Amino acid sequence: MFRFMFRALAVAALALAVISAVLDAARSIGASKFIATPLLGIWASASPQTLADAKALTTHYISAVAWDPVLIWVLGQPAWLILAVLALLFYAVGHRRERGFGRFAAN
């Protein structure tokens, strides 16, 4: 059940990564220079209240250091890169190992 959920999250994150990469590529071609939209900019424009809530929760329960240098740097990376890494992590967690064949296969 959980493996299916992680595989579904991997597919969704990969789809969003591809969409974000195509949008950035189209903008880059139109501007004749490399343009990468950071995930922080997308999150701030889509839902500023949840961004403020995430900052408050992180600084209150974890540390202010975890928000400002760490998460701000991560969220400042291109959205397609962060989503692709998340897709890879979700896939790795939800990956189903192949069963061994034969008499001496490890279980």
PDB file of N, CA and C in Angstrom:
ATOM      1  N   MET A   1       0.825  -1.194   0.000  1.00  0.00           N
ATOM      2  CA  MET A   1       0.000   0.000   0.000  1.00  0.00           C
ATOM      3  C   MET A   1       0.872   1.262   0.000  1.00  0.00           C
ATOM      4  N   PHE A   2       1.865   1.289   0.901  1.00  0.00           N
ATOM      5  CA  PHE A   2       2.717   2.469   0.975  1.00  0.00           C
ATOM      6  C   PHE A   2       3.633   2.571  -0.240  1.00  0.00           C
ATOM      7  N   ARG A   3       4.052   1.432  -0.760  1.00  0.00           N
ATOM      8  CA  ARG A   3       4.899   1.477  -1.954  1.00  0.00           C
ATOM      9  C   ARG A   3       4.134   2.055  -3.131  1.00  0.00           C
ATOM     10  N   PHE A   4       2.870   1.686  -3.254  1.00  0.00           N
ATOM     11  CA  PHE A   4       2.049   2.248  -4.325  1.00  0.00           C
ATOM     12  C   PHE A   4       1.916   3.757  -4.158  1.00  0.00           C
ATOM     13  N   MET A   5       1.734   4.209  -2.913  1.00  0.00           N
ATOM     14  CA  MET A   5       1.598   5.643  -2.656  1.00  0.00           C
ATOM     15  C   MET A   5       2.887   6.384  -3.043  1.00  0.00           C
ATOM     16  N   PHE A   6       4.028   5.821  -2.687  1.00  0.00           N
ATOM     17  CA  PHE A   6       5.292   6.470  -3.033  1.00  0.00           C
ATOM     18  C   PHE A   6       5.541   6.447  -4.536  1.00  0.00           C
ATOM     19  N   ARG A   7       5.145   5.366  -5.206  1.00  0.00           N
ATOM     20  CA  ARG A   7       5.297   5.337  -6.665  1.00  0.00           C
ATOM     21  C   ARG A   7       4.375   6.350  -7.325  1.00  0.00           C
ATOM     22  N   ALA A   8       3.163   6.525  -6.794  1.00  0.00           N
ATOM     23  CA  ALA A   8       2.242   7.530  -7.346  1.00  0.00           C
ATOM     24  C   ALA A   8       2.786   8.936  -7.118  1.00  0.00           C
ATOM     25  N   LEU A   9       3.362   9.181  -5.945  1.00  0.00           N
ATOM     26  CA  LEU A   9       3.983  10.483  -5.683  1.00  0.00           C
ATOM     27  C   LEU A   9       5.179  10.711  -6.609  1.00  0.00           C
ATOM     28  N   ALA A  10       5.919   9.659  -6.907  1.00  0.00           N
ATOM     29  CA  ALA A  10       7.054   9.783  -7.825  1.00  0.00           C
ATOM     30  C   ALA A  10       6.587  10.163  -9.222  1.00  0.00           C
ATOM     31  N   VAL A  11       5.507   9.558  -9.678  1.00  0.00           N
ATOM     32  CA  VAL A  11       4.981   9.883 -11.007  1.00  0.00           C
ATOM     33  C   VAL A  11       4.484  11.321 -11.043  1.00  0.00           C
ATOM     34  N   ALA A  12       3.780  11.742  -9.986  1.00  0.00           N
ATOM     35  CA  ALA A  12       3.268  13.118  -9.939  1.00  0.00           C
ATOM     36  C   ALA A  12       4.413  14.127  -9.897  1.00  0.00           C
ATOM     37  N   ALA A  13       5.427  13.866  -9.081  1.00  0.00           N
ATOM     38  CA  ALA A  13       6.566  14.784  -8.997  1.00  0.00           C
ATOM     39  C   ALA A  13       7.334  14.826 -10.311  1.00  0.00           C
ATOM     40  N   LEU A  14       7.467  13.684 -10.976  1.00  0.00           N
ATOM     41  CA  LEU A  14       8.158  13.664 -12.262  1.00  0.00           C
ATOM     42  C   LEU A  14       7.370  14.422 -13.323  1.00  0.00           C
ATOM     43  N   ALA A  15       6.050  14.288 -13.308  1.00  0.00           N
ATOM     44  CA  ALA A  15       5.222  15.028 -14.267  1.00  0.00           C
ATOM     45  C   ALA A  15       5.351  16.530 -14.044  1.00  0.00           C
ATOM     46  N   LEU A  16       5.326  16.959 -12.790  1.00  0.00           N
ATOM     47  CA  LEU A  16       5.492  18.383 -12.494  1.00  0.00           C
ATOM     48  C   LEU A  16       6.894  18.870 -12.862  1.00  0.00           C
ATOM     49  N   ALA A  17       7.900  18.023 -12.676  1.00  0.00           N
ATOM     50  CA  ALA A  17       9.266  18.399 -13.056  1.00  0.00           C
ATOM     51  C   ALA A  17       9.383  18.588 -14.560  1.00  0.00           C
ATOM     52  N   VAL A  18       8.766  17.706 -15.321  1.00  0.00           N
ATOM     53  CA  VAL A  18       8.821  17.828 -16.781  1.00  0.00           C
ATOM     54  C   VAL A  18       8.081  19.079 -17.241  1.00  0.00           C
ATOM     55  N   ILE A  19       6.919  19.345 -16.657  1.00  0.00           N
ATOM     56  CA  ILE A  19       6.159  20.552 -17.009  1.00  0.00           C
ATOM     57  C   ILE A  19       6.972  21.799 -16.697  1.00  0.00           C
ATOM     58  N   SER A  20       7.591  21.827 -15.519  1.00  0.00           N
ATOM     59  CA  SER A  20       8.400  22.981 -15.134  1.00  0.00           C
ATOM     60  C   SER A  20       9.615  23.142 -16.047  1.00  0.00           C
ATOM     61  N   ALA A  21      10.234  22.037 -16.417  1.00  0.00           N
ATOM     62  CA  ALA A  21      11.396  22.110 -17.306  1.00  0.00           C
ATOM     63  C   ALA A  21      11.004  22.613 -18.693  1.00  0.00           C
ATOM     64  N   VAL A  22       9.863  22.170 -19.191  1.00  0.00           N
ATOM     65  CA  VAL A  22       9.409  22.634 -20.508  1.00  0.00           C
ATOM     66  C   VAL A  22       9.083  24.122 -20.469  1.00  0.00           C
ATOM     67  N   LEU A  23       8.435  24.571 -19.402  1.00  0.00           N
ATOM     68  CA  LEU A  23       8.130  26.002 -19.278  1.00  0.00           C
ATOM     69  C   LEU A  23       9.402  26.838 -19.187  1.00  0.00           C
ATOM     70  N   ASP A  24      10.376  26.374 -18.408  1.00  0.00           N
ATOM     71  CA  ASP A  24      11.644  27.101 -18.320  1.00  0.00           C
ATOM     72  C   ASP A  24      12.387  27.090 -19.653  1.00  0.00           C
ATOM     73  N   ALA A  25      12.317  25.979 -20.373  1.00  0.00           N
ATOM     74  CA  ALA A  25      12.976  25.909 -21.681  1.00  0.00           C
ATOM     75  C   ALA A  25      12.322  26.864 -22.670  1.00  0.00           C
ATOM     76  N   ALA A  26      11.003  26.941 -22.645  1.00  0.00           N
ATOM     77  CA  ALA A  26      10.309  27.866 -23.552  1.00  0.00           C
ATOM     78  C   ALA A  26      10.648  29.314 -23.217  1.00  0.00           C
ATOM     79  N   ARG A  27      10.713  29.628 -21.926  1.00  0.00           N
ATOM     80  CA  ARG A  27      11.088  30.989 -21.525  1.00  0.00           C
ATOM     81  C   ARG A  27      12.535  31.290 -21.901  1.00  0.00           C
ATOM     82  N   SER A  28      13.403  30.309 -21.765  1.00  0.00           N
ATOM     83  CA  SER A  28      14.811  30.504 -22.109  1.00  0.00           C
ATOM     84  C   SER A  28      14.994  30.726 -23.604  1.00  0.00           C
ATOM     85  N   ILE A  29      14.257  29.990 -24.407  1.00  0.00           N
ATOM     86  CA  ILE A  29      14.347  30.177 -25.857  1.00  0.00           C
ATOM     87  C   ILE A  29      13.812  31.544 -26.249  1.00  0.00           C
ATOM     88  N   GLY A  30      12.710  31.948 -25.627  1.00  0.00           N
ATOM     89  CA  GLY A  30      12.133  33.254 -25.941  1.00  0.00           C
ATOM     90  C   GLY A  30      13.017  34.416 -25.532  1.00  0.00           C
ATOM     91  N   ALA A  31      13.737  34.270 -24.430  1.00  0.00           N
ATOM     92  CA  ALA A  31      14.585  35.351 -23.940  1.00  0.00           C
ATOM     93  C   ALA A  31      16.018  35.256 -24.456  1.00  0.00           C
ATOM     94  N   SER A  32      16.358  34.190 -25.130  1.00  0.00           N
ATOM     95  CA  SER A  32      17.709  33.936 -25.649  1.00  0.00           C
ATOM     96  C   SER A  32      18.760  33.913 -24.546  1.00  0.00           C
ATOM     97  N   LYS A  33      18.361  33.506 -23.362  1.00  0.00           N
ATOM     98  CA  LYS A  33      19.290  33.281 -22.258  1.00  0.00           C
ATOM     99  C   LYS A  33      18.655  32.269 -21.313  1.00  0.00           C
ATOM    100  N   PHE A  34      19.485  31.692 -20.442  1.00  0.00           N
ATOM    101  CA  PHE A  34      18.995  30.661 -19.537  1.00  0.00           C
ATOM    102  C   PHE A  34      18.121  31.280 -18.452  1.00  0.00           C
ATOM    103  N   ILE A  35      16.910  30.780 -18.323  1.00  0.00           N
ATOM    104  CA  ILE A  35      15.984  31.226 -17.284  1.00  0.00           C
ATOM    105  C   ILE A  35      15.510  29.992 -16.529  1.00  0.00           C
ATOM    106  N   ALA A  36      15.690  30.004 -15.215  1.00  0.00           N
ATOM    107  CA  ALA A  36      15.230  28.912 -14.362  1.00  0.00           C
ATOM    108  C   ALA A  36      14.391  29.511 -13.242  1.00  0.00           C
ATOM    109  N   THR A  37      13.160  29.092 -13.153  1.00  0.00           N
ATOM    110  CA  THR A  37      12.258  29.609 -12.133  1.00  0.00           C
ATOM    111  C   THR A  37      12.505  28.863 -10.826  1.00  0.00           C
ATOM    112  N   PRO A  38      12.862  29.575  -9.753  1.00  0.00           N
ATOM    113  CA  PRO A  38      13.089  28.892  -8.481  1.00  0.00           C
ATOM    114  C   PRO A  38      11.775  28.429  -7.858  1.00  0.00           C
ATOM    115  N   LEU A  39      11.861  27.351  -7.105  1.00  0.00           N
ATOM    116  CA  LEU A  39      10.673  26.805  -6.450  1.00  0.00           C
ATOM    117  C   LEU A  39      10.098  27.791  -5.442  1.00  0.00           C
ATOM    118  N   LEU A  40      10.949  28.592  -4.819  1.00  0.00           N
ATOM    119  CA  LEU A  40      10.482  29.599  -3.863  1.00  0.00           C
ATOM    120  C   LEU A  40       9.587  30.624  -4.542  1.00  0.00           C
ATOM    121  N   GLY A  41       9.939  31.053  -5.734  1.00  0.00           N
ATOM    122  CA  GLY A  41       9.115  32.014  -6.466  1.00  0.00           C
ATOM    123  C   GLY A  41       7.761  31.443  -6.844  1.00  0.00           C
ATOM    124  N   ILE A  42       7.744  30.187  -7.261  1.00  0.00           N
ATOM    125  CA  ILE A  42       6.477  29.547  -7.608  1.00  0.00           C
ATOM    126  C   ILE A  42       5.600  29.405  -6.374  1.00  0.00           C
ATOM    127  N   TRP A  43       6.200  28.968  -5.261  1.00  0.00           N
ATOM    128  CA  TRP A  43       5.437  28.776  -4.029  1.00  0.00           C
ATOM    129  C   TRP A  43       4.922  30.110  -3.496  1.00  0.00           C
ATOM    130  N   ALA A  44       5.746  31.156  -3.556  1.00  0.00           N
ATOM    131  CA  ALA A  44       5.333  32.470  -3.052  1.00  0.00           C
ATOM    132  C   ALA A  44       4.211  33.065  -3.890  1.00  0.00           C
ATOM    133  N   SER A  45       4.230  32.841  -5.183  1.00  0.00           N
ATOM    134  CA  SER A  45       3.161  33.392  -6.019  1.00  0.00           C
ATOM    135  C   SER A  45       1.893  32.551  -5.953  1.00  0.00           C
ATOM    136  N   ALA A  46       2.026  31.251  -5.758  1.00  0.00           N
ATOM    137  CA  ALA A  46       0.847  30.380  -5.724  1.00  0.00           C
ATOM    138  C   ALA A  46       0.135  30.433  -4.383  1.00  0.00           C
ATOM    139  N   SER A  47       0.886  30.391  -3.286  1.00  0.00           N
ATOM    140  CA  SER A  47       0.263  30.349  -1.962  1.00  0.00           C
ATOM    141  C   SER A  47       1.194  30.969  -0.922  1.00  0.00           C
ATOM    142  N   PRO A  48       1.171  32.291  -0.789  1.00  0.00           N
ATOM    143  CA  PRO A  48       2.087  32.932   0.160  1.00  0.00           C
ATOM    144  C   PRO A  48       1.785  32.589   1.623  1.00  0.00           C
ATOM    145  N   GLN A  49       0.540  32.286   1.931  1.00  0.00           N
ATOM    146  CA  GLN A  49       0.188  31.961   3.317  1.00  0.00           C
ATOM    147  C   GLN A  49       0.816  30.637   3.753  1.00  0.00           C
ATOM    148  N   THR A  50       0.797  29.634   2.884  1.00  0.00           N
ATOM    149  CA  THR A  50       1.415  28.365   3.259  1.00  0.00           C
ATOM    150  C   THR A  50       2.937  28.487   3.346  1.00  0.00           C
ATOM    151  N   LEU A  51       3.528  29.375   2.560  1.00  0.00           N
ATOM    152  CA  LEU A  51       4.964  29.625   2.672  1.00  0.00           C
ATOM    153  C   LEU A  51       5.285  30.256   4.023  1.00  0.00           C
ATOM    154  N   ALA A  52       4.474  31.205   4.444  1.00  0.00           N
ATOM    155  CA  ALA A  52       4.670  31.820   5.762  1.00  0.00           C
ATOM    156  C   ALA A  52       4.441  30.806   6.878  1.00  0.00           C
ATOM    157  N   ASP A  53       3.461  29.934   6.709  1.00  0.00           N
ATOM    158  CA  ASP A  53       3.212  28.891   7.708  1.00  0.00           C
ATOM    159  C   ASP A  53       4.375  27.904   7.781  1.00  0.00           C
ATOM    160  N   ALA A  54       4.917  27.537   6.635  1.00  0.00           N
ATOM    161  CA  ALA A  54       6.059  26.622   6.620  1.00  0.00           C
ATOM    162  C   ALA A  54       7.271  27.253   7.297  1.00  0.00           C
ATOM    163  N   LYS A  55       7.471  28.548   7.065  1.00  0.00           N
ATOM    164  CA  LYS A  55       8.582  29.243   7.726  1.00  0.00           C
ATOM    165  C   LYS A  55       8.375  29.270   9.233  1.00  0.00           C
ATOM    166  N   ALA A  56       7.150  29.578   9.668  1.00  0.00           N
ATOM    167  CA  ALA A  56       6.867  29.633  11.102  1.00  0.00           C
ATOM    168  C   ALA A  56       7.036  28.264  11.757  1.00  0.00           C
ATOM    169  N   LEU A  57       6.550  27.224  11.117  1.00  0.00           N
ATOM    170  CA  LEU A  57       6.687  25.876  11.676  1.00  0.00           C
ATOM    171  C   LEU A  57       8.147  25.436  11.729  1.00  0.00           C
ATOM    172  N   THR A  58       8.900  25.741  10.685  1.00  0.00           N
ATOM    173  CA  THR A  58      10.304  25.336  10.654  1.00  0.00           C
ATOM    174  C   THR A  58      11.118  26.072  11.703  1.00  0.00           C
ATOM    175  N   THR A  59      10.923  27.379  11.812  1.00  0.00           N
ATOM    176  CA  THR A  59      11.703  28.138  12.795  1.00  0.00           C
ATOM    177  C   THR A  59      11.281  27.811  14.223  1.00  0.00           C
ATOM    178  N   HIS A  60      10.019  27.466  14.434  1.00  0.00           N
ATOM    179  CA  HIS A  60       9.557  27.172  15.792  1.00  0.00           C
ATOM    180  C   HIS A  60       9.955  25.769  16.242  1.00  0.00           C
ATOM    181  N   TYR A  61       9.735  24.768  15.410  1.00  0.00           N
ATOM    182  CA  TYR A  61       9.948  23.389  15.831  1.00  0.00           C
ATOM    183  C   TYR A  61      11.343  22.852  15.527  1.00  0.00           C
ATOM    184  N   ILE A  62      11.992  23.360  14.504  1.00  0.00           N
ATOM    185  CA  ILE A  62      13.319  22.834  14.170  1.00  0.00           C
ATOM    186  C   ILE A  62      14.381  23.839  14.593  1.00  0.00           C
ATOM    187  N   SER A  63      14.544  24.905  13.815  1.00  0.00           N
ATOM    188  CA  SER A  63      15.528  25.932  14.133  1.00  0.00           C
ATOM    189  C   SER A  63      15.445  27.020  13.073  1.00  0.00           C
ATOM    190  N   ALA A  64      15.826  28.220  13.459  1.00  0.00           N
ATOM    191  CA  ALA A  64      15.873  29.306  12.480  1.00  0.00           C
ATOM    192  C   ALA A  64      16.983  29.062  11.464  1.00  0.00           C
ATOM    193  N   VAL A  65      18.026  28.359  11.886  1.00  0.00           N
ATOM    194  CA  VAL A  65      19.129  28.038  10.983  1.00  0.00           C
ATOM    195  C   VAL A  65      18.661  27.068   9.897  1.00  0.00           C
ATOM    196  N   ALA A  66      17.724  26.195  10.242  1.00  0.00           N
ATOM    197  CA  ALA A  66      17.216  25.243   9.244  1.00  0.00           C
ATOM    198  C   ALA A  66      16.437  25.956   8.154  1.00  0.00           C
ATOM    199  N   TRP A  67      15.809  27.077   8.480  1.00  0.00           N
ATOM    200  CA  TRP A  67      15.034  27.785   7.457  1.00  0.00           C
ATOM    201  C   TRP A  67      15.919  28.666   6.591  1.00  0.00           C
ATOM    202  N   ASP A  68      16.647  29.593   7.237  1.00  0.00           N
ATOM    203  CA  ASP A  68      17.302  30.628   6.433  1.00  0.00           C
ATOM    204  C   ASP A  68      18.435  30.112   5.563  1.00  0.00           C
ATOM    205  N   PRO A  69      19.497  29.548   6.063  1.00  0.00           N
ATOM    206  CA  PRO A  69      20.503  29.146   5.081  1.00  0.00           C
ATOM    207  C   PRO A  69      20.159  27.848   4.345  1.00  0.00           C
ATOM    208  N   VAL A  70      19.486  26.917   5.006  1.00  0.00           N
ATOM    209  CA  VAL A  70      19.303  25.595   4.401  1.00  0.00           C
ATOM    210  C   VAL A  70      18.111  25.567   3.452  1.00  0.00           C
ATOM    211  N   LEU A  71      16.910  25.767   3.970  1.00  0.00           N
ATOM    212  CA  LEU A  71      15.716  25.643   3.131  1.00  0.00           C
ATOM    213  C   LEU A  71      15.591  26.767   2.111  1.00  0.00           C
ATOM    214  N   ILE A  72      16.056  27.945   2.440  1.00  0.00           N
ATOM    215  CA  ILE A  72      16.019  29.030   1.457  1.00  0.00           C
ATOM    216  C   ILE A  72      16.933  28.694   0.280  1.00  0.00           C
ATOM    217  N   TRP A  73      18.087  28.078   0.555  1.00  0.00           N
ATOM    218  CA  TRP A  73      18.969  27.672  -0.534  1.00  0.00           C
ATOM    219  C   TRP A  73      18.323  26.580  -1.383  1.00  0.00           C
ATOM    220  N   VAL A  74      17.700  25.603  -0.728  1.00  0.00           N
ATOM    221  CA  VAL A  74      17.044  24.516  -1.463  1.00  0.00           C
ATOM    222  C   VAL A  74      15.900  25.062  -2.306  1.00  0.00           C
ATOM    223  N   LEU A  75      15.071  25.926  -1.727  1.00  0.00           N
ATOM    224  CA  LEU A  75      13.933  26.482  -2.458  1.00  0.00           C
ATOM    225  C   LEU A  75      14.368  27.472  -3.534  1.00  0.00           C
ATOM    226  N   GLY A  76      15.582  27.958  -3.465  1.00  0.00           N
ATOM    227  CA  GLY A  76      16.092  28.866  -4.485  1.00  0.00           C
ATOM    228  C   GLY A  76      16.583  28.158  -5.741  1.00  0.00           C
ATOM    229  N   GLN A  77      16.654  26.841  -5.696  1.00  0.00           N
ATOM    230  CA  GLN A  77      17.078  26.060  -6.864  1.00  0.00           C
ATOM    231  C   GLN A  77      15.932  25.968  -7.871  1.00  0.00           C
ATOM    232  N   PRO A  78      16.234  25.638  -9.118  1.00  0.00           N
ATOM    233  CA  PRO A  78      15.164  25.514 -10.120  1.00  0.00           C
ATOM    234  C   PRO A  78      14.120  24.476  -9.704  1.00  0.00           C
ATOM    235  N   ALA A  79      12.875  24.792 -10.002  1.00  0.00           N
ATOM    236  CA  ALA A  79      11.769  23.931  -9.580  1.00  0.00           C
ATOM    237  C   ALA A  79      11.878  22.546 -10.206  1.00  0.00           C
ATOM    238  N   TRP A  80      12.292  22.476 -11.472  1.00  0.00           N
ATOM    239  CA  TRP A  80      12.376  21.172 -12.131  1.00  0.00           C
ATOM    240  C   TRP A  80      13.425  20.290 -11.473  1.00  0.00           C
ATOM    241  N   LEU A  81      14.497  20.888 -10.957  1.00  0.00           N
ATOM    242  CA  LEU A  81      15.545  20.110 -10.313  1.00  0.00           C
ATOM    243  C   LEU A  81      15.058  19.530  -8.986  1.00  0.00           C
ATOM    244  N   ILE A  82      14.416  20.356  -8.172  1.00  0.00           N
ATOM    245  CA  ILE A  82      13.914  19.899  -6.876  1.00  0.00           C
ATOM    246  C   ILE A  82      12.852  18.823  -7.070  1.00  0.00           C
ATOM    247  N   LEU A  83      11.947  19.031  -8.028  1.00  0.00           N
ATOM    248  CA  LEU A  83      10.890  18.051  -8.268  1.00  0.00           C
ATOM    249  C   LEU A  83      11.449  16.745  -8.828  1.00  0.00           C
ATOM    250  N   ALA A  84      12.480  16.827  -9.651  1.00  0.00           N
ATOM    251  CA  ALA A  84      13.099  15.607 -10.180  1.00  0.00           C
ATOM    252  C   ALA A  84      13.803  14.823  -9.074  1.00  0.00           C
ATOM    253  N   VAL A  85      14.465  15.521  -8.162  1.00  0.00           N
ATOM    254  CA  VAL A  85      15.113  14.845  -7.033  1.00  0.00           C
ATOM    255  C   VAL A  85      14.062  14.206  -6.128  1.00  0.00           C
ATOM    256  N   LEU A  86      12.961  14.916  -5.879  1.00  0.00           N
ATOM    257  CA  LEU A  86      11.878  14.331  -5.088  1.00  0.00           C
ATOM    258  C   LEU A  86      11.294  13.101  -5.773  1.00  0.00           C
ATOM    259  N   ALA A  87      11.132  13.155  -7.085  1.00  0.00           N
ATOM    260  CA  ALA A  87      10.618  11.996  -7.819  1.00  0.00           C
ATOM    261  C   ALA A  87      11.561  10.806  -7.683  1.00  0.00           C
ATOM    262  N   LEU A  88      12.858  11.066  -7.765  1.00  0.00           N
ATOM    263  CA  LEU A  88      13.834   9.992  -7.612  1.00  0.00           C
ATOM    264  C   LEU A  88      13.782   9.394  -6.207  1.00  0.00           C
ATOM    265  N   LEU A  89      13.675  10.244  -5.192  1.00  0.00           N
ATOM    266  CA  LEU A  89      13.593   9.746  -3.817  1.00  0.00           C
ATOM    267  C   LEU A  89      12.315   8.951  -3.577  1.00  0.00           C
ATOM    268  N   PHE A  90      11.187   9.457  -4.065  1.00  0.00           N
ATOM    269  CA  PHE A  90       9.928   8.728  -3.912  1.00  0.00           C
ATOM    270  C   PHE A  90       9.985   7.381  -4.630  1.00  0.00           C
ATOM    271  N   TYR A  91      10.594   7.364  -5.817  1.00  0.00           N
ATOM    272  CA  TYR A  91      10.709   6.108  -6.551  1.00  0.00           C
ATOM    273  C   TYR A  91      11.611   5.126  -5.803  1.00  0.00           C
ATOM    274  N   ALA A  92      12.702   5.617  -5.239  1.00  0.00           N
ATOM    275  CA  ALA A  92      13.617   4.736  -4.510  1.00  0.00           C
ATOM    276  C   ALA A  92      12.940   4.132  -3.288  1.00  0.00           C
ATOM    277  N   VAL A  93      12.115   4.910  -2.601  1.00  0.00           N
ATOM    278  CA  VAL A  93      11.410   4.388  -1.433  1.00  0.00           C
ATOM    279  C   VAL A  93      10.339   3.382  -1.858  1.00  0.00           C
ATOM    280  N   GLY A  94       9.655   3.655  -2.953  1.00  0.00           N
ATOM    281  CA  GLY A  94       8.576   2.781  -3.396  1.00  0.00           C
ATOM    282  C   GLY A  94       8.995   1.671  -4.326  1.00  0.00           C
ATOM    283  N   HIS A  95      10.294   1.522  -4.582  1.00  0.00           N
ATOM    284  CA  HIS A  95      10.777   0.509  -5.520  1.00  0.00           C
ATOM    285  C   HIS A  95      10.549  -0.889  -4.961  1.00  0.00           C
ATOM    286  N   ARG A  96      10.040  -1.751  -5.796  1.00  0.00           N
ATOM    287  CA  ARG A  96       9.797  -3.138  -5.414  1.00  0.00           C
ATOM    288  C   ARG A  96      10.976  -3.981  -5.884  1.00  0.00           C
ATOM    289  N   ARG A  97      11.619  -4.648  -4.943  1.00  0.00           N
ATOM    290  CA  ARG A  97      12.758  -5.486  -5.306  1.00  0.00           C
ATOM    291  C   ARG A  97      12.276  -6.727  -6.049  1.00  0.00           C
ATOM    292  N   GLU A  98      13.087  -7.158  -7.000  1.00  0.00           N
ATOM    293  CA  GLU A  98      12.744  -8.369  -7.733  1.00  0.00           C
ATOM    294  C   GLU A  98      13.063  -9.587  -6.885  1.00  0.00           C
ATOM    295  N   ARG A  99      12.210 -10.568  -6.988  1.00  0.00           N
ATOM    296  CA  ARG A  99      12.420 -11.813  -6.259  1.00  0.00           C
ATOM    297  C   ARG A  99      13.517 -12.620  -6.943  1.00  0.00           C
ATOM    298  N   GLY A 100      14.334 -13.244  -6.144  1.00  0.00           N
ATOM    299  CA  GLY A 100      15.377 -14.080  -6.701  1.00  0.00           C
ATOM    300  C   GLY A 100      14.816 -15.399  -7.215  1.00  0.00           C
ATOM    301  N   PHE A 101      15.422 -15.926  -8.246  1.00  0.00           N
ATOM    302  CA  PHE A 101      14.999 -17.201  -8.803  1.00  0.00           C
ATOM    303  C   PHE A 101      16.019 -18.269  -8.434  1.00  0.00           C
ATOM    304  N   GLY A 102      15.565 -19.458  -8.307  1.00  0.00           N
ATOM    305  CA  GLY A 102      16.481 -20.561  -8.079  1.00  0.00           C
ATOM    306  C   GLY A 102      16.464 -21.053  -6.653  1.00  0.00           C
ATOM    307  N   ARG A 103      17.197 -22.098  -6.471  1.00  0.00           N
ATOM    308  CA  ARG A 103      17.206 -22.774  -5.184  1.00  0.00           C
ATOM    309  C   ARG A 103      17.964 -21.991  -4.118  1.00  0.00           C
ATOM    310  N   PHE A 104      19.011 -21.293  -4.516  1.00  0.00           N
ATOM    311  CA  PHE A 104      19.864 -20.609  -3.552  1.00  0.00           C
ATOM    312  C   PHE A 104      19.669 -19.099  -3.549  1.00  0.00           C
ATOM    313  N   ALA A 105      18.524 -18.667  -3.972  1.00  0.00           N
ATOM    314  CA  ALA A 105      18.253 -17.229  -3.998  1.00  0.00           C
ATOM    315  C   ALA A 105      18.075 -16.716  -2.577  1.00  0.00           C
ATOM    316  N   ALA A 106      18.622 -15.544  -2.321  1.00  0.00           N
ATOM    317  CA  ALA A 106      18.475 -14.933  -0.998  1.00  0.00           C
ATOM    318  C   ALA A 106      17.053 -14.419  -0.841  1.00  0.00           C
ATOM    319  N   ASN A 107      16.500 -14.613   0.320  1.00  0.00           N
ATOM    320  CA  ASN A 107      15.124 -14.162   0.573  1.00  0.00           C
ATOM    321  C   ASN A 107      15.095 -12.828   1.211  1.00  0.00           C
TER     322      ASN A 107
END
